Amino acid sequence: MNLQVELEHQRDVLIVRLRGELDHHTADAVRAKIDESIYRGQTNHLVLSLKDLLFMDSSGIGVILGRYKLIQSKGGKMAVCDVNPSVHRLLELSGLFKILAQYDNERMALSGLEVVS
């Protein structure tokens, strides 16, 4: 299975919706696509919507951690939302929830980042 990446800008927030499998086969392409969008737009904050992410390995953890560091360096915030149970467990075990805010859906994530209009 492959991975589909949907990007949407809302004000200074980049919403990234991942569908499929984020692994060593797809990580570099995802990283490049998100980074390009962050640098090209007026992006200060990032929301990862993981509802349709079926699988993720350590390469995916690296992608998320790297984007977290990038957004932090810009003075922004990052959150994840709609995390399915198997991916949730991996994020929990990796310790990413200690640094990333987690929300039930995109609306709550945007509200939690205090960037809603």
C-alpha atoms as a PDB file:
ATOM      1  CA  MET A   1       0.000   0.000   0.000  1.00  0.00           C
ATOM      2  CA  ASN A   2       1.149   3.546  -0.622  1.00  0.00           C
ATOM      3  CA  LEU A   3       0.584   6.830   1.141  1.00  0.00           C
ATOM      4  CA  GLN A   4      -1.555   9.779   0.144  1.00  0.00           C
ATOM      5  CA  VAL A   5      -0.779  13.213   1.550  1.00  0.00           C
ATOM      6  CA  GLU A   6      -3.368  15.980   1.538  1.00  0.00           C
ATOM      7  CA  LEU A   7      -2.226  19.474   2.501  1.00  0.00           C
ATOM      8  CA  GLU A   8      -4.489  22.374   3.431  1.00  0.00           C
ATOM      9  CA  HIS A   9      -3.563  25.839   4.647  1.00  0.00           C
ATOM     10  CA  GLN A  10      -5.845  27.640   7.062  1.00  0.00           C
ATOM     11  CA  ARG A  11      -4.381  31.030   7.888  1.00  0.00           C
ATOM     12  CA  ASP A  12      -0.900  30.251   9.262  1.00  0.00           C
ATOM     13  CA  VAL A  13      -1.659  26.575   9.945  1.00  0.00           C
ATOM     14  CA  LEU A  14      -0.727  23.687   7.668  1.00  0.00           C
ATOM     15  CA  ILE A  15      -3.096  20.731   8.057  1.00  0.00           C
ATOM     16  CA  VAL A  16      -1.585  17.473   6.821  1.00  0.00           C
ATOM     17  CA  ARG A  17      -3.894  14.490   6.310  1.00  0.00           C
ATOM     18  CA  LEU A  18      -2.106  11.173   5.877  1.00  0.00           C
ATOM     19  CA  ARG A  19      -3.841   8.146   4.346  1.00  0.00           C
ATOM     20  CA  GLY A  20      -2.178   4.745   4.017  1.00  0.00           C
ATOM     21  CA  GLU A  21       1.198   3.660   5.380  1.00  0.00           C
ATOM     22  CA  LEU A  22       3.998   5.935   6.580  1.00  0.00           C
ATOM     23  CA  ASP A  23       7.134   3.798   6.505  1.00  0.00           C
ATOM     24  CA  HIS A  24      10.691   3.776   5.162  1.00  0.00           C
ATOM     25  CA  HIS A  25       9.311   3.580   1.601  1.00  0.00           C
ATOM     26  CA  THR A  26       7.227   6.755   1.891  1.00  0.00           C
ATOM     27  CA  ALA A  27       8.953   8.813   4.619  1.00  0.00           C
ATOM     28  CA  ASP A  28      11.312  10.828   2.393  1.00  0.00           C
ATOM     29  CA  ALA A  29       8.531  11.905   0.027  1.00  0.00           C
ATOM     30  CA  VAL A  30       6.271  12.927   2.925  1.00  0.00           C
ATOM     31  CA  ARG A  31       9.090  14.849   4.587  1.00  0.00           C
ATOM     32  CA  ALA A  32       9.889  16.729   1.372  1.00  0.00           C
ATOM     33  CA  LYS A  33       6.245  17.548   0.629  1.00  0.00           C
ATOM     34  CA  ILE A  34       5.544  18.903   4.127  1.00  0.00           C
ATOM     35  CA  ASP A  35       8.806  20.861   4.292  1.00  0.00           C
ATOM     36  CA  GLU A  36       8.195  22.430   0.898  1.00  0.00           C
ATOM     37  CA  SER A  37       4.733  23.543   1.975  1.00  0.00           C
ATOM     38  CA  ILE A  38       6.039  24.928   5.278  1.00  0.00           C
ATOM     39  CA  TYR A  39       8.783  26.945   3.593  1.00  0.00           C
ATOM     40  CA  ARG A  40       6.630  28.116   0.672  1.00  0.00           C
ATOM     41  CA  GLY A  41       3.638  29.305   2.717  1.00  0.00           C
ATOM     42  CA  GLN A  42       3.163  31.441   5.773  1.00  0.00           C
ATOM     43  CA  THR A  43       3.102  28.365   7.995  1.00  0.00           C
ATOM     44  CA  ASN A  44       3.741  28.756  11.700  1.00  0.00           C
ATOM     45  CA  HIS A  45       1.721  25.822  13.049  1.00  0.00           C
ATOM     46  CA  LEU A  46       1.175  22.230  11.958  1.00  0.00           C
ATOM     47  CA  VAL A  47      -1.695  19.800  12.512  1.00  0.00           C
ATOM     48  CA  LEU A  48      -1.271  16.152  11.524  1.00  0.00           C
ATOM     49  CA  SER A  49      -4.560  14.363  10.954  1.00  0.00           C
ATOM     50  CA  LEU A  50      -3.902  10.632  11.243  1.00  0.00           C
ATOM     51  CA  LYS A  51      -7.412   9.177  11.035  1.00  0.00           C
ATOM     52  CA  ASP A  52      -6.647   7.277   7.834  1.00  0.00           C
ATOM     53  CA  LEU A  53      -3.038   6.415   8.623  1.00  0.00           C
ATOM     54  CA  LEU A  54      -3.162   2.629   8.836  1.00  0.00           C
ATOM     55  CA  PHE A  55       0.483   1.885   9.639  1.00  0.00           C
ATOM     56  CA  MET A  56       3.577   3.739  10.739  1.00  0.00           C
ATOM     57  CA  ASP A  57       7.091   2.549  11.566  1.00  0.00           C
ATOM     58  CA  SER A  58      10.106   4.298  13.082  1.00  0.00           C
ATOM     59  CA  SER A  59      10.660   6.241   9.860  1.00  0.00           C
ATOM     60  CA  GLY A  60       7.293   7.881  10.467  1.00  0.00           C
ATOM     61  CA  ILE A  61       8.351   8.783  14.002  1.00  0.00           C
ATOM     62  CA  GLY A  62      11.396  10.474  12.475  1.00  0.00           C
ATOM     63  CA  VAL A  63       9.230  12.440  10.035  1.00  0.00           C
ATOM     64  CA  ILE A  64       6.969  13.660  12.843  1.00  0.00           C
ATOM     65  CA  LEU A  65       9.853  14.537  15.165  1.00  0.00           C
ATOM     66  CA  GLY A  66      11.684  16.420  12.419  1.00  0.00           C
ATOM     67  CA  ARG A  67       8.597  18.474  11.517  1.00  0.00           C
ATOM     68  CA  TYR A  68       8.076  19.188  15.234  1.00  0.00           C
ATOM     69  CA  LYS A  69      11.608  20.577  15.482  1.00  0.00           C
ATOM     70  CA  LEU A  70      11.122  22.628  12.319  1.00  0.00           C
ATOM     71  CA  ILE A  71       7.857  24.170  13.553  1.00  0.00           C
ATOM     72  CA  GLN A  72       9.387  24.792  16.996  1.00  0.00           C
ATOM     73  CA  SER A  73      12.306  26.630  15.371  1.00  0.00           C
ATOM     74  CA  LYS A  74       9.755  28.959  13.754  1.00  0.00           C
ATOM     75  CA  GLY A  75       8.138  29.614  17.143  1.00  0.00           C
ATOM     76  CA  GLY A  76       5.059  27.593  16.227  1.00  0.00           C
ATOM     77  CA  LYS A  77       3.047  24.743  17.685  1.00  0.00           C
ATOM     78  CA  MET A  78       2.286  21.268  16.400  1.00  0.00           C
ATOM     79  CA  ALA A  79      -0.531  18.856  17.192  1.00  0.00           C
ATOM     80  CA  VAL A  80      -1.866  15.496  16.057  1.00  0.00           C
ATOM     81  CA  CYS A  81      -5.518  14.555  15.788  1.00  0.00           C
ATOM     82  CA  ASP A  82      -7.805  11.670  14.826  1.00  0.00           C
ATOM     83  CA  VAL A  83      -5.124   9.111  15.706  1.00  0.00           C
ATOM     84  CA  ASN A  84      -6.237   5.529  15.124  1.00  0.00           C
ATOM     85  CA  PRO A  85      -5.507   2.957  17.869  1.00  0.00           C
ATOM     86  CA  SER A  86      -2.496   1.191  16.316  1.00  0.00           C
ATOM     87  CA  VAL A  87      -0.706   4.434  15.445  1.00  0.00           C
ATOM     88  CA  HIS A  88      -1.704   5.888  18.824  1.00  0.00           C
ATOM     89  CA  ARG A  89       0.073   3.040  20.577  1.00  0.00           C
ATOM     90  CA  LEU A  90       3.275   3.629  18.590  1.00  0.00           C
ATOM     91  CA  LEU A  91       3.206   7.375  19.310  1.00  0.00           C
ATOM     92  CA  GLU A  92       2.580   6.649  22.978  1.00  0.00           C
ATOM     93  CA  LEU A  93       5.432   4.136  23.224  1.00  0.00           C
ATOM     94  CA  SER A  94       7.804   6.485  21.397  1.00  0.00           C
ATOM     95  CA  GLY A  95       7.116   9.263  23.905  1.00  0.00           C
ATOM     96  CA  LEU A  96       5.923  11.729  21.255  1.00  0.00           C
ATOM     97  CA  PHE A  97       2.788  12.514  23.256  1.00  0.00           C
ATOM     98  CA  LYS A  98       5.066  14.072  25.865  1.00  0.00           C
ATOM     99  CA  ILE A  99       5.878  16.857  23.395  1.00  0.00           C
ATOM    100  CA  LEU A 100       2.913  16.799  20.994  1.00  0.00           C
ATOM    101  CA  ALA A 101      -0.614  17.880  21.836  1.00  0.00           C
ATOM    102  CA  GLN A 102      -3.275  15.365  20.853  1.00  0.00           C
ATOM    103  CA  TYR A 103      -6.872  16.182  19.880  1.00  0.00           C
ATOM    104  CA  ASP A 104      -9.943  14.228  18.815  1.00  0.00           C
ATOM    105  CA  ASN A 105     -10.416  16.090  15.523  1.00  0.00           C
ATOM    106  CA  GLU A 106      -9.090  18.925  13.361  1.00  0.00           C
ATOM    107  CA  ARG A 107     -11.473  21.526  14.746  1.00  0.00           C
ATOM    108  CA  MET A 108     -10.341  20.817  18.299  1.00  0.00           C
ATOM    109  CA  ALA A 109      -6.700  20.843  17.215  1.00  0.00           C
ATOM    110  CA  LEU A 110      -7.075  24.248  15.574  1.00  0.00           C
ATOM    111  CA  SER A 111      -8.865  25.533  18.639  1.00  0.00           C
ATOM    112  CA  GLY A 112      -6.220  24.041  20.921  1.00  0.00           C
ATOM    113  CA  LEU A 113      -3.471  25.750  18.975  1.00  0.00           C
ATOM    114  CA  GLU A 114      -5.455  28.991  19.467  1.00  0.00           C
ATOM    115  CA  VAL A 115      -5.458  29.771  15.772  1.00  0.00           C
ATOM    116  CA  VAL A 116      -9.166  29.701  14.952  1.00  0.00           C
ATOM    117  CA  SER A 117     -10.666  32.872  13.562  1.00  0.00           C
END
